[in-house]
Amino acid sequence: MPNRQLLPYGGQAVIEGVMMRGAHGMAVAVRTPDAQVVIHTQPLSPLYRNRFSRVPFLRGLLGLWDALGLGYKSLTFSANVAADGAAKFEGPMAWGTLAVSLALGLGLFFLAPAGVAQWGERAFGIPAGWGSLIEGILRLGLIVGYLWAIGFMPDIQRLFGYHGAEHKTIHAFEAGAELTPASVARFPLEHPRCGTAFLLTVVIFSVLVFALLGPLSLWARLLSRLLLIPIVAGLAYEYIRFTARHLSHPLVRLLVIPNLALQRLTTREPDERMLEVAIAAFRAMRVQEEMPVS
């Protein structure tokens, strides 16, 4: 039997639900307004199993597409379930919302810190290397501040509860535990392969990569930040993958402490009903994987 901790299982919290994905299929389970659990499943494209999916750094780009593509589909499904017969969240409205969100995210978390750091370098004569460090600190501060601020919103708190349920369910499976709410609830909120950990790692690697570019004009700096996102994402993916596979090493356990700590902002203790939804999504995904469910 394969090592459960090495199986490519991951997930994402959605509106009143959880998406779980494996190597061959994905499933989304959502709690309806009348307290039922609706499940959507689908096989994954062969794109996730071709030879490029095993190539270091290229597989990181695939993971980025995974987060965008499957995440969009899962959020759309959950939003339509939550709408309960109201106007559907799909088509141009959905794609437009996604495009605006991506543009705002790139502008706020990538371009704005680069612009401020560029101004600081010119105004105070700061060397480019130190400017990249300042840029990274600004970027991290914006991300942490944003996650902290939205965590006060009741709807986001519920989303973070489902995020915690997703982590606990994957932890329980990897430990070989019974997949019941009472059993799953005992496991940690944090998981080393979490997307929040990926965000922090992207920020750290962005400092190192951008510092190598040296002094740039403002427009060259802004353009480089956008063009190098795939490179930074690939590096971050490989780092997350490496640390997740070597958690038994004391140094690796030390390295992942910041990644696990940041997840305290994006997870909440789930209630029993949230755990039921996460377990339902995981079991449905496992059926797609054509494996027996424990």
Protein backbone atom coordinates (compact mmCIF):
# COMPACT_ATOMS: atom_id res chain seq x y z
CA MET A 1 0.00 0.00 0.00
CA PRO A 2 1.42 3.46 -0.87
CA ASN A 3 2.46 5.85 1.88
CA ARG A 4 -0.67 7.87 2.61
CA GLN A 5 1.35 10.98 3.35
CA LEU A 6 2.79 10.91 -0.17
CA LEU A 7 -0.54 10.65 -1.97
CA PRO A 8 -1.37 13.88 -3.87
CA TYR A 9 -4.44 14.75 -1.84
CA GLY A 10 -5.36 18.34 -1.19
CA GLY A 11 -8.37 20.56 -1.02
CA GLN A 12 -9.93 23.95 -0.61
CA ALA A 13 -12.67 25.49 1.47
CA VAL A 14 -15.61 26.87 -0.51
CA ILE A 15 -18.90 28.53 0.40
CA GLU A 16 -20.46 26.21 3.01
CA GLY A 17 -18.37 23.32 1.78
CA VAL A 18 -15.10 21.69 0.87
CA MET A 19 -13.41 20.62 -2.35
CA MET A 20 -11.09 17.61 -2.26
CA ARG A 21 -8.81 16.58 -5.12
CA GLY A 22 -6.63 13.60 -5.83
CA ALA A 23 -4.56 12.42 -8.78
CA HIS A 24 -7.50 11.30 -10.90
CA GLY A 25 -10.60 13.06 -9.63
CA MET A 26 -12.10 15.77 -7.48
CA ALA A 27 -15.23 16.20 -5.41
CA VAL A 28 -17.03 19.18 -3.89
CA ALA A 29 -19.46 18.75 -1.01
CA VAL A 30 -21.66 21.71 -0.01
CA ARG A 31 -24.24 22.12 2.76
CA THR A 32 -27.49 23.45 1.30
CA PRO A 33 -29.70 26.03 3.07
CA ASP A 34 -32.04 23.16 4.08
CA ALA A 35 -29.11 21.29 5.72
CA GLN A 36 -28.62 18.64 3.03
CA VAL A 37 -25.19 17.82 1.60
CA VAL A 38 -24.89 18.10 -2.19
CA ILE A 39 -21.87 16.52 -3.87
CA HIS A 40 -20.37 17.20 -7.29
CA THR A 41 -17.64 14.94 -8.67
CA GLN A 42 -15.62 14.92 -11.85
CA PRO A 43 -12.49 13.24 -13.19
CA LEU A 44 -9.41 15.37 -13.61
CA SER A 45 -7.98 16.16 -17.01
CA PRO A 46 -5.08 13.98 -18.24
CA LEU A 47 -3.10 17.21 -17.93
CA TYR A 48 -2.59 16.27 -14.30
CA ARG A 49 -1.05 12.92 -15.20
CA ASN A 50 1.17 13.67 -18.21
CA ARG A 51 4.95 13.62 -18.09
CA PHE A 52 5.14 17.35 -17.34
CA SER A 53 3.28 16.78 -14.07
CA ARG A 54 6.38 14.95 -12.82
CA VAL A 55 8.94 17.53 -13.96
CA PRO A 56 10.28 19.71 -11.12
CA PHE A 57 9.18 23.36 -11.32
CA LEU A 58 6.81 22.66 -14.24
CA ARG A 59 4.58 20.74 -11.85
CA GLY A 60 4.49 23.89 -9.72
CA LEU A 61 2.88 25.75 -12.60
CA LEU A 62 0.39 22.93 -12.92
CA GLY A 63 -0.36 23.34 -9.23
CA LEU A 64 -0.96 27.05 -9.76
CA TRP A 65 -3.37 26.30 -12.59
CA ASP A 66 -4.97 23.69 -10.35
CA ALA A 67 -5.64 26.28 -7.67
CA LEU A 68 -7.14 28.70 -10.19
CA GLY A 69 -9.05 26.30 -12.43
CA LEU A 70 -10.43 23.80 -9.95
CA GLY A 71 -10.83 26.51 -7.35
CA TYR A 72 -12.98 28.56 -9.73
CA LYS A 73 -15.18 25.59 -10.61
CA SER A 74 -15.59 24.62 -6.96
CA LEU A 75 -16.44 28.13 -5.81
CA THR A 76 -18.94 28.52 -8.64
CA PHE A 77 -20.65 25.26 -7.70
CA SER A 78 -20.81 26.19 -4.02
CA ALA A 79 -22.12 29.70 -4.78
CA ASN A 80 -24.90 28.26 -6.94
CA VAL A 81 -25.87 25.77 -4.23
CA ALA A 82 -25.94 28.56 -1.67
CA ALA A 83 -28.07 30.68 -4.03
CA ASP A 84 -30.83 28.05 -3.67
CA GLY A 85 -32.69 28.92 -6.85
CA ALA A 86 -31.68 32.55 -7.07
CA ALA A 87 -29.61 33.98 -9.92
CA LYS A 88 -26.76 31.64 -10.83
CA PHE A 89 -23.16 32.68 -10.37
CA GLU A 90 -21.81 31.68 -13.77
CA GLY A 91 -20.91 32.90 -17.23
CA PRO A 92 -19.57 36.45 -17.77
CA MET A 93 -20.46 37.51 -14.23
CA ALA A 94 -18.38 34.69 -12.70
CA TRP A 95 -15.44 35.12 -15.06
CA GLY A 96 -15.56 38.88 -14.66
CA THR A 97 -15.52 38.57 -10.87
CA LEU A 98 -12.54 36.21 -11.07
CA ALA A 99 -10.66 38.54 -13.45
CA VAL A 100 -11.25 41.58 -11.24
CA SER A 101 -10.21 39.64 -8.13
CA LEU A 102 -7.00 38.46 -9.78
CA ALA A 103 -6.19 41.96 -11.01
CA LEU A 104 -6.77 43.46 -7.58
CA GLY A 105 -4.73 40.73 -5.92
CA LEU A 106 -1.78 41.17 -8.26
CA GLY A 107 -1.98 44.93 -7.97
CA LEU A 108 -2.19 45.00 -4.18
CA PHE A 109 0.19 42.19 -3.23
CA PHE A 110 2.75 42.28 -6.05
CA LEU A 111 2.79 45.63 -7.84
CA ALA A 112 2.07 48.00 -4.95
CA PRO A 113 4.97 46.78 -2.75
CA ALA A 114 7.28 46.91 -5.79
CA GLY A 115 6.25 50.51 -6.50
CA VAL A 116 6.71 51.61 -2.88
CA ALA A 117 10.12 49.91 -2.65
CA GLN A 118 11.16 51.56 -5.93
CA TRP A 119 10.24 54.95 -4.52
CA GLY A 120 12.18 54.17 -1.31
CA GLU A 121 15.28 53.19 -3.27
CA ARG A 122 15.21 56.44 -5.25
CA ALA A 123 14.22 58.73 -2.38
CA PHE A 124 16.64 57.42 0.23
CA GLY A 125 19.38 55.86 -1.88
CA ILE A 126 18.62 52.33 -0.70
CA PRO A 127 20.58 49.60 -2.57
CA ALA A 128 18.46 47.38 -4.84
CA GLY A 129 19.08 44.30 -2.67
CA TRP A 130 17.76 46.02 0.44
CA GLY A 131 14.91 47.41 -1.64
CA SER A 132 13.87 43.86 -2.55
CA LEU A 133 13.89 42.94 1.14
CA ILE A 134 11.72 45.96 1.97
CA GLU A 135 9.41 44.99 -0.88
CA GLY A 136 9.11 41.48 0.53
CA ILE A 137 8.37 42.77 4.03
CA LEU A 138 5.68 45.07 2.64
CA ARG A 139 4.20 42.20 0.65
CA LEU A 140 4.13 39.92 3.68
CA GLY A 141 2.64 42.66 5.83
CA LEU A 142 -0.15 43.25 3.33
CA ILE A 143 -0.96 39.55 3.10
CA VAL A 144 -0.94 39.00 6.86
CA GLY A 145 -2.93 42.17 7.47
CA TYR A 146 -5.49 41.22 4.84
CA LEU A 147 -5.96 37.70 6.23
CA TRP A 148 -6.21 39.06 9.76
CA ALA A 149 -8.78 41.69 8.80
CA ILE A 150 -11.12 39.46 6.80
CA GLY A 151 -11.01 36.91 9.62
CA PHE A 152 -13.43 39.13 11.57
CA MET A 153 -16.16 38.69 8.94
CA PRO A 154 -18.74 36.03 9.98
CA ASP A 155 -18.94 34.49 6.49
CA ILE A 156 -15.15 34.28 6.25
CA GLN A 157 -14.99 32.73 9.71
CA ARG A 158 -17.26 29.95 8.44
CA LEU A 159 -15.08 29.58 5.35
CA PHE A 160 -12.04 29.24 7.60
CA GLY A 161 -13.94 26.64 9.63
CA TYR A 162 -14.39 24.53 6.51
CA HIS A 163 -10.68 25.09 5.78
CA GLY A 164 -9.90 23.58 9.16
CA ALA A 165 -12.23 20.67 8.44
CA GLU A 166 -10.41 20.01 5.17
CA HIS A 167 -7.02 19.87 6.92
CA LYS A 168 -8.26 17.66 9.73
CA THR A 169 -9.83 15.18 7.30
CA ILE A 170 -6.64 14.83 5.25
CA HIS A 171 -4.60 14.48 8.46
CA ALA A 172 -6.94 11.73 9.65
CA PHE A 173 -6.66 9.81 6.40
CA GLU A 174 -2.86 10.12 6.37
CA ALA A 175 -2.77 8.79 9.93
CA GLY A 176 -4.99 5.83 9.01
CA ALA A 177 -7.72 6.99 11.41
CA GLU A 178 -11.42 6.37 11.04
CA LEU A 179 -13.14 9.03 8.96
CA THR A 180 -15.87 10.07 11.39
CA PRO A 181 -16.43 13.56 12.82
CA ALA A 182 -15.40 12.49 16.32
CA SER A 183 -12.18 10.90 15.06
CA VAL A 184 -11.27 13.62 12.56
CA ALA A 185 -11.84 16.41 15.12
CA ARG A 186 -8.79 15.25 17.12
CA PHE A 187 -6.32 16.17 14.38
CA PRO A 188 -4.45 19.49 13.90
CA LEU A 189 -5.82 22.50 12.07
CA GLU A 190 -2.50 23.13 10.29
CA HIS A 191 -1.22 21.07 7.36
CA PRO A 192 2.24 21.42 5.75
CA ARG A 193 0.83 21.35 2.19
CA CYS A 194 -1.66 24.15 2.76
CA GLY A 195 -2.11 26.95 0.26
CA THR A 196 -1.53 29.49 3.04
CA ALA A 197 1.93 27.98 3.53
CA PHE A 198 2.43 28.31 -0.21
CA LEU A 199 1.65 32.04 -0.02
CA LEU A 200 4.26 32.65 2.67
CA THR A 201 6.83 30.63 0.73
CA VAL A 202 6.13 32.64 -2.42
CA VAL A 203 6.84 35.85 -0.51
CA ILE A 204 10.16 34.50 0.83
CA PHE A 205 11.33 33.22 -2.55
CA SER A 206 10.23 36.44 -4.26
CA VAL A 207 12.73 38.37 -2.14
CA LEU A 208 15.56 36.07 -3.25
CA VAL A 209 14.59 35.99 -6.93
CA PHE A 210 13.84 39.70 -7.30
CA ALA A 211 17.08 40.66 -5.54
CA LEU A 212 19.04 38.90 -8.30
CA LEU A 213 17.69 41.35 -10.89
CA GLY A 214 19.53 44.33 -9.50
CA PRO A 215 18.45 47.95 -10.12
CA LEU A 216 15.56 48.39 -12.57
CA SER A 217 13.39 51.18 -13.86
CA LEU A 218 9.90 51.35 -12.37
CA TRP A 219 8.16 49.82 -15.39
CA ALA A 220 10.79 47.09 -15.77
CA ARG A 221 10.41 46.30 -12.09
CA LEU A 222 6.63 46.04 -12.26
CA LEU A 223 6.74 43.92 -15.42
CA SER A 224 9.37 41.61 -13.92
CA ARG A 225 7.16 40.98 -10.89
CA LEU A 226 4.36 39.75 -13.11
CA LEU A 227 6.51 37.72 -15.49
CA LEU A 228 8.44 36.01 -12.70
CA ILE A 229 5.38 34.85 -10.76
CA PRO A 230 5.52 31.39 -12.46
CA ILE A 231 9.22 31.03 -11.54
CA VAL A 232 8.64 32.01 -7.92
CA ALA A 233 5.57 29.75 -7.74
CA GLY A 234 7.57 26.82 -9.12
CA LEU A 235 10.29 27.31 -6.52
CA ALA A 236 7.74 27.63 -3.73
CA TYR A 237 5.93 24.48 -4.86
CA GLU A 238 9.14 22.44 -4.79
CA TYR A 239 9.99 23.75 -1.33
CA ILE A 240 6.53 22.87 0.03
CA ARG A 241 6.73 19.44 -1.58
CA PHE A 242 10.20 18.78 -0.15
CA THR A 243 9.36 19.85 3.39
CA ALA A 244 6.08 17.90 3.41
CA ARG A 245 7.98 14.73 2.49
CA HIS A 246 10.72 15.18 5.11
CA LEU A 247 8.86 16.29 8.21
CA SER A 248 10.62 13.62 10.27
CA HIS A 249 13.85 15.65 10.04
CA PRO A 250 14.32 18.12 12.94
CA LEU A 251 15.59 20.91 10.67
CA VAL A 252 12.60 20.58 8.33
CA ARG A 253 10.21 20.69 11.28
CA LEU A 254 11.89 23.93 12.30
CA LEU A 255 11.64 25.38 8.79
CA VAL A 256 7.89 24.76 8.50
CA ILE A 257 7.00 26.49 11.80
CA PRO A 258 6.29 29.89 10.10
CA ASN A 259 4.14 28.20 7.44
CA LEU A 260 2.10 26.38 10.07
CA ALA A 261 1.81 29.48 12.25
CA LEU A 262 0.38 31.58 9.40
CA GLN A 263 -2.40 29.02 8.97
CA ARG A 264 -3.79 30.13 12.33
CA LEU A 265 -5.14 33.13 10.42
CA THR A 266 -6.92 31.06 7.76
CA THR A 267 -8.34 28.17 9.79
CA ARG A 268 -10.90 27.89 12.58
CA GLU A 269 -12.02 24.93 14.64
CA PRO A 270 -14.82 23.35 12.58
CA ASP A 271 -18.09 22.15 14.07
CA GLU A 272 -19.41 18.63 13.55
CA ARG A 273 -21.50 19.59 10.53
CA MET A 274 -18.47 21.09 8.80
CA LEU A 275 -16.50 17.92 9.46
CA GLU A 276 -19.33 15.86 7.97
CA VAL A 277 -19.15 17.89 4.77
CA ALA A 278 -15.35 17.58 4.52
CA ILE A 279 -15.52 13.82 5.09
CA ALA A 280 -18.26 13.50 2.45
CA ALA A 281 -16.11 15.36 -0.07
CA PHE A 282 -13.08 13.23 0.74
CA ARG A 283 -14.98 9.96 0.41
CA ALA A 284 -16.49 11.05 -2.90
CA MET A 285 -13.03 12.00 -4.16
CA ARG A 286 -11.68 8.62 -3.10
CA VAL A 287 -14.37 6.92 -5.17
CA GLN A 288 -13.16 8.96 -8.14
CA GLU A 289 -9.66 7.70 -7.39
CA GLU A 290 -10.99 4.11 -7.66
CA MET A 291 -9.56 3.23 -4.27
CA PRO A 292 -11.30 1.61 -1.31
CA VAL A 293 -12.47 4.06 1.32
CA SER A 294 -11.22 3.32 4.83
